[in-house]
């Protein structure tokens, strides 16, 4: 127990250090979760005064373009729900939003140790994996963000652990895996993949009881039908109320998917477009070659992202070695199955979204088991080397290299957080400048703003609005008119091609006025979509 507590405290300190380095949300996902949490805490329910992506409202300008709108047509609710008690206690502060993720996410470190101990691994492997999970490579910087990283990781790892126990003959553990998978789904839709893996594990167990495997004799099934049904029932118990809400509110279990924008886009730029069609015909119309290339590209991107952010590159070879050595171990079967399913799903279904960050949200759940296998693989490789060196002590060498691997991972985690925080700080500085310019001009809090990051603009300025769509200026003007947008924020570091001439100093369209903010990084233009708006009286020549 002392080891578990020590690992939890190490992980908590690491996450609190990340909070000290950058306390606020940093990107659209985390801004959105905070915005929704504050609405919930204020008694406004699941609603939000912005459109962060038009897939949430049907992938086009709605017939009745209003704000606020019902929230969470794309993202799941758990990352907002866990913030609410802390907001009630501490107020709508950055600390209140980040703290629950540090407290919950830190549980992943002792969880990794417990999984290793349960698997019968060496102490240095179990403890080392706990340390690596406490500081999980280049993904550490995300673990204190008010996002689903710190929720999805321990929930999925816990579910796969329970499933592994179930494969060794514990029916209750297998049923508990279904409950954890359900709660994980409330954090991220990919939790559905975990339920699918549980189904595959059950079928695999039955197959082995009927036919045997790898020359091994048949054995009795270890997962009773009642345990499998219990897992499904507990999963449904966890997600049922939320999906009932989705049906009642949107008429769909997955509203953003129903728009076609999730599945039927050719590149990530189309995700933020309302002019581009989002149909199966549009996707297939790119041709077989480009379609296959996009899927292969998604798989390659997933491999690179995992290798860098979780495996810090150097841990990947021993991780593969450890996975191969445990390939017949039923305890690790659900984890290995989830890894295969996740990478396959990312290649076939969500390939376009993988480079945009969607994959790493799910891949962090591979870290606890992955680090165990990496350190196990160190011993496997040391034993292989020992067969070729007469004076080599494989066990001692394995321990030395395992400690070295852990040290390498920790150093990479700490060093890797610094440049990320610098980038986030630059974004924060730009948005603080925007808020100051709007306030200095006495812009009412009810004025709506269009920007590339509507949720971030809402967080920093207090003003709602819509996303800057990736479409021609004529479509951007239509969106501004439909939603009565009063201000347009353009960031030179993040934008869309249509506004590039404006950012380069070209003429303004007639519906924009002179910028409130004289900055090389960000500008704030008044938007005039109604006749007689004096704010644009001195606008440049319309293109």
Protein backbone atom coordinates (compact mmCIF):
# COMPACT_ATOMS: atom_id res chain seq x y z
CA UNK A 1 0.00 0.00 0.00
CA UNK A 2 2.88 2.39 0.74
CA UNK A 3 4.16 1.91 -2.80
CA UNK A 4 0.73 2.74 -4.24
CA UNK A 5 0.47 5.88 -2.11
CA UNK A 6 3.98 6.99 -3.04
CA UNK A 7 3.25 6.54 -6.75
CA UNK A 8 -0.03 8.44 -6.42
CA UNK A 9 1.71 11.33 -4.68
CA UNK A 10 4.47 11.37 -7.31
CA UNK A 11 1.87 11.53 -10.08
CA UNK A 12 -0.12 14.21 -8.24
CA UNK A 13 2.96 16.37 -7.70
CA UNK A 14 3.85 16.02 -11.40
CA UNK A 15 0.36 17.15 -12.41
CA UNK A 16 0.32 20.01 -9.94
CA UNK A 17 3.66 21.10 -11.38
CA UNK A 18 2.08 21.12 -14.84
CA UNK A 19 -0.74 23.25 -13.42
CA UNK A 20 1.79 25.65 -11.92
CA UNK A 21 3.49 25.93 -15.29
CA UNK A 22 0.21 26.62 -17.08
CA UNK A 23 -3.02 26.74 -15.10
CA UNK A 24 -5.61 27.63 -17.75
CA UNK A 25 -7.18 25.52 -20.47
CA UNK A 26 -5.05 25.72 -23.60
CA UNK A 27 -6.93 24.53 -26.70
CA UNK A 28 -10.53 24.17 -28.00
CA UNK A 29 -11.35 20.87 -26.27
CA UNK A 30 -10.37 22.04 -22.80
CA UNK A 31 -11.89 25.51 -23.28
CA UNK A 32 -15.17 23.85 -24.28
CA UNK A 33 -15.26 21.52 -21.28
CA UNK A 34 -14.66 24.48 -18.95
CA UNK A 35 -17.32 26.62 -20.64
CA UNK A 36 -19.90 23.84 -20.25
CA UNK A 37 -18.84 23.13 -16.65
CA UNK A 38 -19.36 26.77 -15.71
CA UNK A 39 -22.78 26.74 -17.33
CA UNK A 40 -23.69 23.64 -15.34
CA UNK A 41 -22.37 25.12 -12.10
CA UNK A 42 -24.41 28.28 -12.71
CA UNK A 43 -27.58 26.24 -13.13
CA UNK A 44 -27.96 26.67 -16.90
CA UNK A 45 -27.72 22.99 -17.73
CA UNK A 46 -25.96 21.54 -20.74
CA UNK A 47 -25.89 24.67 -22.87
CA UNK A 48 -23.22 26.86 -24.39
CA UNK A 49 -23.11 30.31 -25.93
CA UNK A 50 -20.96 29.38 -28.91
CA UNK A 51 -20.59 27.16 -31.96
CA UNK A 52 -17.09 25.69 -31.78
CA UNK A 53 -17.62 23.58 -34.94
CA UNK A 54 -20.65 23.53 -37.22
CA UNK A 55 -20.87 19.74 -37.05
CA UNK A 56 -22.57 20.37 -33.69
CA UNK A 57 -25.46 22.13 -35.43
CA UNK A 58 -25.85 19.94 -38.49
CA UNK A 59 -22.76 20.86 -40.49
CA UNK A 60 -24.31 23.99 -41.99
CA UNK A 61 -26.00 27.23 -41.00
CA UNK A 62 -29.17 26.08 -39.21
CA UNK A 63 -32.59 27.24 -40.29
CA UNK A 64 -32.81 29.00 -36.92
CA UNK A 65 -29.27 30.17 -36.10
CA UNK A 66 -29.51 30.99 -32.40
CA UNK A 67 -27.22 31.17 -29.39
CA UNK A 68 -26.93 29.71 -26.83
CA UNK A 69 -27.38 26.13 -28.03
CA UNK A 70 -27.59 22.72 -26.38
CA UNK A 71 -24.03 21.56 -25.69
CA UNK A 72 -22.19 18.28 -26.20
CA UNK A 73 -23.44 17.32 -29.63
CA UNK A 74 -19.90 16.07 -30.26
CA UNK A 75 -17.98 15.72 -26.99
CA UNK A 76 -19.04 13.62 -24.01
CA UNK A 77 -19.99 15.13 -20.61
CA UNK A 78 -17.72 13.64 -17.95
CA UNK A 79 -14.87 16.15 -18.31
CA UNK A 80 -17.34 18.94 -17.57
CA UNK A 81 -19.25 17.13 -14.83
CA UNK A 82 -16.19 16.47 -12.66
CA UNK A 83 -15.42 20.19 -12.56
CA UNK A 84 -18.79 21.27 -11.18
CA UNK A 85 -18.26 20.49 -7.46
CA UNK A 86 -14.87 22.23 -7.56
CA UNK A 87 -16.39 25.31 -9.23
CA UNK A 88 -19.05 25.44 -6.53
CA UNK A 89 -16.31 25.26 -3.90
CA UNK A 90 -13.59 27.45 -5.47
CA UNK A 91 -15.53 29.57 -7.93
CA UNK A 92 -15.15 29.68 -11.73
CA UNK A 93 -11.35 29.69 -11.63
CA UNK A 94 -8.61 27.91 -13.53
CA UNK A 95 -7.71 26.02 -10.35
CA UNK A 96 -11.26 24.73 -9.92
CA UNK A 97 -11.27 23.37 -13.47
CA UNK A 98 -7.80 21.78 -13.48
CA UNK A 99 -7.65 20.33 -9.95
CA UNK A 100 -10.08 17.40 -10.42
CA UNK A 101 -8.06 16.15 -13.38
CA UNK A 102 -4.86 16.16 -11.36
CA UNK A 103 -6.54 14.30 -8.51
CA UNK A 104 -8.24 11.71 -10.70
CA UNK A 105 -5.49 11.27 -13.26
CA UNK A 106 -2.84 10.61 -10.61
CA UNK A 107 -4.60 7.30 -9.88
CA UNK A 108 -3.17 5.89 -13.12
CA UNK A 109 0.31 5.53 -11.58
CA UNK A 110 -0.58 3.17 -8.72
CA UNK A 111 -2.95 1.45 -11.14
CA UNK A 112 -0.01 0.57 -13.39
CA UNK A 113 1.88 -0.82 -10.41
CA UNK A 114 -1.16 -2.89 -9.35
CA UNK A 115 -1.58 -4.31 -12.85
CA UNK A 116 2.07 -5.34 -12.93
CA UNK A 117 1.88 -6.93 -9.51
CA UNK A 118 -1.27 -8.80 -10.48
CA UNK A 119 0.48 -10.02 -13.64
CA UNK A 120 3.33 -11.44 -11.54
CA UNK A 121 5.94 -9.07 -12.96
CA UNK A 122 9.19 -8.12 -11.26
CA UNK A 123 9.01 -5.38 -8.65
CA UNK A 124 11.32 -3.13 -10.66
CA UNK A 125 8.99 -3.51 -13.66
CA UNK A 126 5.81 -2.74 -11.72
CA UNK A 127 7.26 0.21 -9.81
CA UNK A 128 9.08 1.51 -12.88
CA UNK A 129 5.86 1.41 -14.91
CA UNK A 130 4.13 3.29 -12.11
CA UNK A 131 6.79 6.01 -12.25
CA UNK A 132 6.56 6.22 -16.04
CA UNK A 133 2.78 6.48 -15.81
CA UNK A 134 3.15 9.23 -13.22
CA UNK A 135 5.18 11.18 -15.80
CA UNK A 136 3.91 9.66 -19.08
CA UNK A 137 6.42 10.93 -21.60
CA UNK A 138 5.49 13.87 -23.78
CA UNK A 139 1.81 13.37 -22.94
CA UNK A 140 2.42 14.54 -19.35
CA UNK A 141 1.74 18.15 -20.28
CA UNK A 142 -1.88 17.26 -21.15
CA UNK A 143 -2.60 15.45 -17.88
CA UNK A 144 -3.46 18.59 -15.90
CA UNK A 145 -5.62 20.04 -18.67
CA UNK A 146 -9.41 20.07 -18.11
CA UNK A 147 -9.80 17.49 -20.84
CA UNK A 148 -10.55 13.77 -20.99
CA UNK A 149 -6.89 12.58 -20.90
CA UNK A 150 -6.76 12.11 -17.13
CA UNK A 151 -10.18 10.49 -17.06
CA UNK A 152 -9.96 8.16 -20.02
CA UNK A 153 -6.51 6.80 -19.11
CA UNK A 154 -7.23 5.25 -15.70
CA UNK A 155 -10.77 4.20 -16.66
CA UNK A 156 -9.73 2.29 -19.76
CA UNK A 157 -6.59 0.86 -18.15
CA UNK A 158 -8.74 -0.24 -15.22
CA UNK A 159 -11.29 -1.82 -17.54
CA UNK A 160 -8.61 -3.73 -19.43
CA UNK A 161 -7.10 -4.85 -16.12
CA UNK A 162 -10.45 -6.17 -14.93
CA UNK A 163 -10.99 -7.86 -18.28
CA UNK A 164 -7.58 -9.53 -17.94
CA UNK A 165 -8.54 -10.80 -14.50
CA UNK A 166 -11.76 -12.06 -16.00
CA UNK A 167 -9.80 -13.99 -18.62
CA UNK A 168 -8.01 -15.68 -15.75
CA UNK A 169 -11.27 -16.81 -14.19
CA UNK A 170 -12.77 -13.89 -12.24
CA UNK A 171 -16.37 -13.34 -13.46
CA UNK A 172 -16.94 -10.33 -11.21
CA UNK A 173 -13.86 -8.61 -12.58
CA UNK A 174 -15.06 -9.14 -16.15
CA UNK A 175 -18.44 -7.60 -15.30
CA UNK A 176 -16.69 -4.67 -13.58
CA UNK A 177 -14.74 -4.11 -16.80
CA UNK A 178 -18.05 -3.29 -18.50
CA UNK A 179 -18.88 -0.66 -15.89
CA UNK A 180 -15.48 1.02 -16.24
CA UNK A 181 -15.79 0.95 -20.03
CA UNK A 182 -19.18 2.66 -19.70
CA UNK A 183 -17.80 5.43 -17.49
CA UNK A 184 -14.86 5.78 -19.89
CA UNK A 185 -17.37 6.27 -22.72
CA UNK A 186 -18.87 9.18 -20.80
CA UNK A 187 -15.39 10.66 -21.02
CA UNK A 188 -14.78 9.81 -24.67
CA UNK A 189 -16.80 8.03 -27.35
CA UNK A 190 -13.92 5.66 -27.99
CA UNK A 191 -14.91 3.86 -24.81
CA UNK A 192 -17.25 1.98 -27.13
CA UNK A 193 -14.15 0.30 -28.55
CA UNK A 194 -13.38 -1.07 -25.09
CA UNK A 195 -16.83 -2.68 -24.93
CA UNK A 196 -16.13 -4.18 -28.35
CA UNK A 197 -12.85 -5.59 -27.05
CA UNK A 198 -14.68 -7.16 -24.11
CA UNK A 199 -16.95 -8.87 -26.61
CA UNK A 200 -13.96 -10.11 -28.58
CA UNK A 201 -12.34 -11.37 -25.37
CA UNK A 202 -15.48 -13.32 -24.52
CA UNK A 203 -15.59 -14.87 -28.00
CA UNK A 204 -11.87 -15.66 -27.85
CA UNK A 205 -12.34 -17.39 -24.52
CA UNK A 206 -15.14 -19.49 -26.01
CA UNK A 207 -13.05 -20.33 -29.04
CA UNK A 208 -10.21 -21.54 -26.86
CA UNK A 209 -12.63 -23.68 -24.87
CA UNK A 210 -13.86 -25.27 -28.09
CA UNK A 211 -10.75 -25.53 -30.25
CA UNK A 212 -7.67 -24.72 -28.19
CA UNK A 213 -4.98 -22.38 -29.50
CA UNK A 214 -1.36 -22.60 -30.64
CA UNK A 215 -1.19 -26.35 -30.10
CA UNK A 216 -2.51 -26.02 -26.53
CA UNK A 217 -5.31 -28.34 -25.43
CA UNK A 218 -8.87 -27.17 -24.98
CA UNK A 219 -9.80 -25.82 -21.56
CA UNK A 220 -13.03 -24.81 -19.85
CA UNK A 221 -14.31 -21.32 -20.58
CA UNK A 222 -13.18 -18.79 -17.97
CA UNK A 223 -15.73 -16.06 -18.71
CA UNK A 224 -19.26 -17.25 -17.96
CA UNK A 225 -22.10 -15.94 -20.12
CA UNK A 226 -23.53 -14.26 -17.01
CA UNK A 227 -20.30 -12.25 -16.58
CA UNK A 228 -20.41 -11.11 -20.21
CA UNK A 229 -24.06 -10.11 -19.92
CA UNK A 230 -23.27 -8.37 -16.65
CA UNK A 231 -20.54 -6.35 -18.36
CA UNK A 232 -22.98 -5.22 -21.05
CA UNK A 233 -25.66 -4.41 -18.48
CA UNK A 234 -23.30 -2.33 -16.34
CA UNK A 235 -22.03 -0.55 -19.45
CA UNK A 236 -25.60 0.31 -20.41
CA UNK A 237 -26.33 1.45 -16.85
CA UNK A 238 -23.44 3.91 -17.07
CA UNK A 239 -24.16 5.37 -20.51
CA UNK A 240 -27.93 4.92 -20.70
CA UNK A 241 -29.01 8.22 -19.08
CA UNK A 242 -26.65 10.23 -21.26
CA UNK A 243 -27.75 8.63 -24.50
CA UNK A 244 -31.36 9.14 -23.47
CA UNK A 245 -30.54 12.84 -23.13
CA UNK A 246 -28.92 12.87 -26.57
CA UNK A 247 -31.99 11.31 -28.16
CA UNK A 248 -34.33 13.70 -26.38
CA UNK A 249 -32.25 16.76 -27.22
CA UNK A 250 -30.91 16.02 -30.70
CA UNK A 251 -32.83 12.98 -31.91
CA UNK A 252 -29.54 11.13 -32.37
CA UNK A 253 -27.06 9.23 -30.21
CA UNK A 254 -24.17 10.95 -31.99
CA UNK A 255 -25.37 14.23 -33.52
CA UNK A 256 -22.03 15.36 -34.95
CA UNK A 257 -21.55 11.98 -36.64
CA UNK A 258 -25.03 12.22 -38.13
CA UNK A 259 -23.99 15.43 -39.89
CA UNK A 260 -21.42 13.44 -41.90
CA UNK A 261 -18.61 15.78 -40.91
CA UNK A 262 -16.95 13.21 -38.69
CA UNK A 263 -16.78 10.31 -41.14
CA UNK A 264 -17.08 11.63 -44.68
CA UNK A 265 -14.44 14.32 -45.04
CA UNK A 266 -11.36 14.00 -47.24
CA UNK A 267 -9.00 16.10 -45.12
CA UNK A 268 -9.06 17.86 -41.76
CA UNK A 269 -9.65 21.23 -43.41
CA UNK A 270 -13.14 20.06 -44.42
CA UNK A 271 -13.98 19.43 -40.76
CA UNK A 272 -14.38 23.19 -40.35
CA UNK A 273 -16.17 23.83 -43.66
CA UNK A 274 -19.89 24.24 -44.23
CA UNK A 275 -19.71 24.52 -48.04
CA UNK A 276 -17.97 21.17 -48.57
CA UNK A 277 -20.41 18.24 -48.81
CA UNK A 278 -20.16 15.59 -46.09
CA UNK A 279 -21.52 12.46 -47.71
CA UNK A 280 -20.22 8.98 -48.44
CA UNK A 281 -20.27 9.84 -52.13
CA UNK A 282 -18.05 12.85 -51.51
CA UNK A 283 -15.53 10.72 -49.60
CA UNK A 284 -15.45 7.95 -52.20
CA UNK A 285 -15.28 10.53 -54.98
CA UNK A 286 -11.66 11.25 -54.10
CA UNK A 287 -10.72 7.97 -55.80
CA UNK A 288 -9.44 4.64 -54.57
CA UNK A 289 -5.78 5.64 -54.54
CA UNK A 290 -6.14 8.83 -52.51
CA UNK A 291 -8.63 7.10 -50.20
CA UNK A 292 -6.20 4.29 -49.42
CA UNK A 293 -3.36 6.79 -49.07
CA UNK A 294 -5.38 8.77 -46.51
CA UNK A 295 -6.01 5.61 -44.47
CA UNK A 296 -2.36 4.60 -44.58
CA UNK A 297 -1.41 8.15 -43.66
CA UNK A 298 -3.74 8.00 -40.67
CA UNK A 299 -2.18 4.77 -39.48
CA UNK A 300 1.35 6.13 -39.89
CA UNK A 301 0.37 9.30 -38.03
CA UNK A 302 -1.10 7.23 -35.19
CA UNK A 303 2.08 5.17 -34.90
CA UNK A 304 4.27 8.28 -34.84
CA UNK A 305 2.04 10.10 -32.33
CA UNK A 306 2.03 7.18 -29.92
CA UNK A 307 5.73 6.51 -30.37
CA UNK A 308 6.63 10.12 -29.60
CA UNK A 309 4.08 11.26 -27.03
CA UNK A 310 3.78 8.04 -25.01
CA UNK A 311 6.75 5.89 -26.02
CA UNK A 312 9.23 8.82 -26.25
CA UNK A 313 10.62 6.77 -29.17
CA UNK A 314 13.23 4.95 -27.09
CA UNK A 315 10.67 2.85 -25.18
CA UNK A 316 8.95 1.54 -28.32
CA UNK A 317 11.37 -1.30 -29.22
CA UNK A 318 11.33 -2.89 -25.74
CA UNK A 319 7.55 -2.31 -25.62
CA UNK A 320 7.14 -4.39 -28.77
CA UNK A 321 9.48 -7.03 -27.37
CA UNK A 322 7.49 -7.21 -24.15
CA UNK A 323 4.20 -7.41 -26.04
CA UNK A 324 5.52 -10.30 -28.12
CA UNK A 325 6.67 -12.16 -25.02
CA UNK A 326 3.21 -11.80 -23.47
CA UNK A 327 1.20 -12.46 -26.63
CA UNK A 328 -0.18 -15.76 -25.28
CA UNK A 329 -0.90 -14.40 -21.80
CA UNK A 330 -4.67 -14.14 -21.38
CA UNK A 331 -4.13 -11.43 -18.75
CA UNK A 332 -2.70 -9.08 -21.39
CA UNK A 333 -5.07 -10.26 -24.12
CA UNK A 334 -7.68 -7.48 -23.65
CA UNK A 335 -4.96 -4.80 -23.67
CA UNK A 336 -3.31 -6.15 -26.82
CA UNK A 337 -6.75 -6.46 -28.39
CA UNK A 338 -7.60 -2.87 -27.56
CA UNK A 339 -4.30 -1.67 -29.02
CA UNK A 340 -4.99 -3.48 -32.29
CA UNK A 341 -8.60 -2.26 -32.43
CA UNK A 342 -7.63 1.34 -31.64
CA UNK A 343 -4.94 1.54 -34.31
CA UNK A 344 -7.20 -0.19 -36.84
CA UNK A 345 -10.11 2.11 -36.07
CA UNK A 346 -7.85 5.12 -36.34
CA UNK A 347 -6.61 3.97 -39.75
CA UNK A 348 -9.96 3.04 -41.28
CA UNK A 349 -12.55 5.31 -39.64
CA UNK A 350 -10.89 8.38 -38.13
CA UNK A 351 -7.72 8.59 -40.23
CA UNK A 352 -8.34 12.21 -41.21
CA UNK A 353 -8.76 13.28 -37.58
CA UNK A 354 -5.67 11.46 -36.25
CA UNK A 355 -3.13 14.20 -37.08
CA UNK A 356 -5.51 16.76 -35.57
CA UNK A 357 -5.11 15.27 -32.10
CA UNK A 358 -8.01 12.88 -31.72
CA UNK A 359 -5.80 9.78 -31.53
CA UNK A 360 -3.64 10.78 -28.58
CA UNK A 361 -6.74 11.30 -26.41
CA UNK A 362 -7.41 7.57 -26.73
CA UNK A 363 -3.81 6.38 -26.99
CA UNK A 364 -2.89 7.63 -23.50
CA UNK A 365 -4.96 4.74 -22.15
CA UNK A 366 -2.30 2.39 -23.54
CA UNK A 367 0.40 3.91 -21.33
CA UNK A 368 0.07 1.89 -18.06
CA UNK A 369 0.08 -1.53 -19.73
CA UNK A 370 2.48 -0.27 -22.39
CA UNK A 371 5.07 0.83 -19.86
CA UNK A 372 4.81 -2.51 -18.08
CA UNK A 373 5.50 -4.31 -21.34
CA UNK A 374 8.32 -1.91 -22.19
CA UNK A 375 10.19 -2.67 -18.97
CA UNK A 376 9.38 -6.36 -19.33
CA UNK A 377 10.83 -6.10 -22.82
CA UNK A 378 14.04 -4.64 -21.39
CA UNK A 379 14.56 -7.90 -19.50
CA UNK A 380 13.67 -9.94 -22.58
CA UNK A 381 16.26 -8.06 -24.65
CA UNK A 382 18.82 -8.32 -21.84
CA UNK A 383 18.30 -12.11 -21.72
CA UNK A 384 18.73 -12.31 -25.50
CA UNK A 385 21.95 -10.30 -25.30
CA UNK A 386 23.13 -12.48 -22.43
CA UNK A 387 23.08 -15.52 -24.68
CA UNK A 388 25.77 -13.85 -26.78
CA UNK A 389 27.99 -12.50 -23.98
CA UNK A 390 29.72 -14.92 -21.61
CA UNK A 391 30.07 -12.60 -18.61
CA UNK A 392 26.70 -10.93 -18.98
CA UNK A 393 24.28 -11.20 -16.04
CA UNK A 394 20.89 -10.82 -17.75
CA UNK A 395 18.98 -10.06 -14.55
CA UNK A 396 21.38 -7.43 -13.31
CA UNK A 397 21.65 -5.92 -16.79
CA UNK A 398 17.88 -5.91 -17.10
CA UNK A 399 17.50 -4.05 -13.82
CA UNK A 400 20.13 -1.50 -14.82
CA UNK A 401 18.59 -0.89 -18.23
CA UNK A 402 15.07 -0.76 -16.76
CA UNK A 403 16.11 1.95 -14.31
CA UNK A 404 17.82 3.76 -17.18
CA UNK A 405 14.64 3.53 -19.28
CA UNK A 406 12.56 4.99 -16.47
CA UNK A 407 15.06 7.81 -15.96
CA UNK A 408 15.05 8.55 -19.68
CA UNK A 409 11.23 8.67 -19.72
CA UNK A 410 11.06 11.02 -16.74
CA UNK A 411 13.63 13.42 -18.19
CA UNK A 412 11.79 13.45 -21.54
CA UNK A 413 8.48 14.17 -19.79
CA UNK A 414 9.81 17.14 -17.87
CA UNK A 415 11.84 18.60 -20.73
CA UNK A 416 9.05 18.09 -23.23
CA UNK A 417 6.55 20.12 -21.24
CA UNK A 418 8.54 23.37 -21.45
CA UNK A 419 8.14 24.17 -25.18
CA UNK A 420 4.47 23.17 -25.08
CA UNK A 421 3.82 25.58 -22.21
CA UNK A 422 5.60 28.30 -24.16
CA UNK A 423 3.30 27.77 -27.12
CA UNK A 424 0.23 27.79 -24.92
CA UNK A 425 1.43 30.97 -23.22
CA UNK A 426 1.74 32.71 -26.58
CA UNK A 427 -1.86 31.78 -27.36
CA UNK A 428 -2.97 33.04 -23.96
CA UNK A 429 -1.15 36.35 -24.49
CA UNK A 430 -2.92 36.86 -27.81
CA UNK A 431 -6.34 36.21 -26.32
CA UNK A 432 -5.67 38.42 -23.30
CA UNK A 433 -4.79 41.20 -25.74
CA UNK A 434 -8.06 40.62 -27.60
CA UNK A 435 -10.05 40.78 -24.37
CA UNK A 436 -8.28 43.99 -23.35
CA UNK A 437 -8.99 45.61 -26.73
CA UNK A 438 -12.68 44.72 -26.58
CA UNK A 439 -12.98 45.98 -23.02
CA UNK A 440 -11.09 49.20 -23.82
CA UNK A 441 -13.55 49.88 -26.62
CA UNK A 442 -16.46 49.32 -24.21
CA UNK A 443 -17.74 46.45 -26.35
CA UNK A 444 -20.86 45.01 -24.66
CA UNK A 445 -20.56 41.52 -23.19
CA UNK A 446 -23.52 40.52 -25.36
CA UNK A 447 -21.65 41.21 -28.63
CA UNK A 448 -20.81 38.05 -30.53
CA UNK A 449 -17.36 37.23 -31.88
CA UNK A 450 -16.19 35.03 -34.73
CA UNK A 451 -12.76 33.43 -34.28
CA UNK A 452 -10.84 30.27 -35.15
CA UNK A 453 -11.30 29.13 -31.53
CA UNK A 454 -14.78 30.15 -30.40
CA UNK A 455 -14.54 28.30 -27.09
CA UNK A 456 -11.19 29.93 -26.27
CA UNK A 457 -12.57 33.36 -27.18
CA UNK A 458 -15.52 32.74 -24.89
CA UNK A 459 -13.19 31.71 -22.05
CA UNK A 460 -10.85 34.70 -22.33
CA UNK A 461 -13.25 37.48 -23.35
CA UNK A 462 -16.54 36.31 -21.86
CA UNK A 463 -18.24 36.79 -25.24
CA UNK A 464 -19.97 34.05 -27.19
CA UNK A 465 -19.90 33.54 -30.91
CA UNK A 466 -19.05 31.10 -33.67
CA UNK A 467 -16.04 29.52 -35.31
CA UNK A 468 -14.34 31.06 -38.34
CA UNK A 469 -15.32 28.57 -41.04
CA UNK A 470 -12.85 27.23 -43.59
CA UNK A 471 -14.78 28.60 -46.57
CA UNK A 472 -14.69 31.59 -48.96
CA UNK A 473 -15.20 35.12 -47.61
CA UNK A 474 -18.74 35.14 -49.00
CA UNK A 475 -19.65 32.16 -46.80
CA UNK A 476 -17.90 33.69 -43.79
CA UNK A 477 -20.03 36.80 -44.31
CA UNK A 478 -23.20 34.67 -44.46
CA UNK A 479 -22.30 33.02 -41.15
CA UNK A 480 -21.59 36.41 -39.58
CA UNK A 481 -24.92 37.76 -40.80
CA UNK A 482 -26.87 34.70 -39.64
CA UNK A 483 -25.49 34.86 -36.11
CA UNK A 484 -25.34 38.67 -35.81
CA UNK A 485 -21.56 38.58 -35.36
CA UNK A 486 -20.15 41.95 -34.33
CA UNK A 487 -16.40 41.24 -34.23
CA UNK A 488 -13.92 39.09 -36.14
CA UNK A 489 -10.71 37.91 -34.44
CA UNK A 490 -7.94 36.76 -36.75
CA UNK A 491 -4.77 35.13 -35.41
CA UNK A 492 -1.79 34.92 -37.72
CA UNK A 493 -0.66 31.66 -36.10
CA UNK A 494 -4.05 29.98 -36.63
CA UNK A 495 -6.43 30.90 -39.42
CA UNK A 496 -8.10 29.78 -42.66
CA UNK A 497 -6.89 30.38 -46.23
CA UNK A 498 -9.71 32.78 -47.14
CA UNK A 499 -8.49 35.47 -44.73
CA UNK A 500 -4.79 35.17 -45.63
CA UNK A 501 -4.91 38.25 -47.94
CA UNK A 502 -6.44 40.29 -45.11
CA UNK A 503 -3.73 39.21 -42.68
CA UNK A 504 -1.12 40.05 -45.31
CA UNK A 505 -2.32 43.66 -45.36
CA UNK A 506 -4.63 43.44 -48.36
CA UNK A 507 -7.88 45.37 -48.74
CA UNK A 508 -10.71 44.65 -46.33
CA UNK A 509 -14.09 43.47 -47.59
CA UNK A 510 -16.82 46.06 -47.20
CA UNK A 511 -18.32 44.32 -44.18
CA UNK A 512 -15.17 44.77 -42.06
CA UNK A 513 -13.90 47.91 -40.38
CA UNK A 514 -10.48 48.98 -39.08
CA UNK A 515 -8.95 46.80 -36.39
CA UNK A 516 -9.29 47.65 -32.71
CA UNK A 517 -5.95 46.02 -31.99
CA UNK A 518 -2.62 46.98 -33.49
CA UNK A 519 -0.65 43.77 -33.01
CA UNK A 520 1.57 41.70 -35.32
CA UNK A 521 -0.02 38.50 -34.01
CA UNK A 522 -3.76 39.13 -33.80
CA UNK A 523 -6.30 41.65 -35.09
CA UNK A 524 -9.90 42.44 -34.10
CA UNK A 525 -12.15 43.79 -36.83
CA UNK A 526 -15.68 45.13 -36.40
CA UNK A 527 -18.17 43.19 -38.51
CA UNK A 528 -20.94 45.19 -40.19
CA UNK A 529 -23.57 43.06 -41.86
CA UNK A 530 -26.36 45.63 -41.53
CA UNK A 531 -26.62 48.92 -43.40
CA UNK A 532 -25.61 52.08 -41.59
CA UNK A 533 -23.18 50.49 -39.14
CA UNK A 534 -20.73 53.37 -38.55
CA UNK A 535 -17.98 51.09 -37.27
CA UNK A 536 -17.13 50.11 -40.85
CA UNK A 537 -17.55 53.57 -42.40
CA UNK A 538 -13.86 53.73 -43.26
CA UNK A 539 -13.46 50.14 -44.43
CA UNK A 540 -11.20 49.37 -47.35
CA UNK A 541 -12.37 48.71 -50.86
CA UNK A 542 -14.46 45.56 -51.19
CA UNK A 543 -12.78 42.80 -53.18
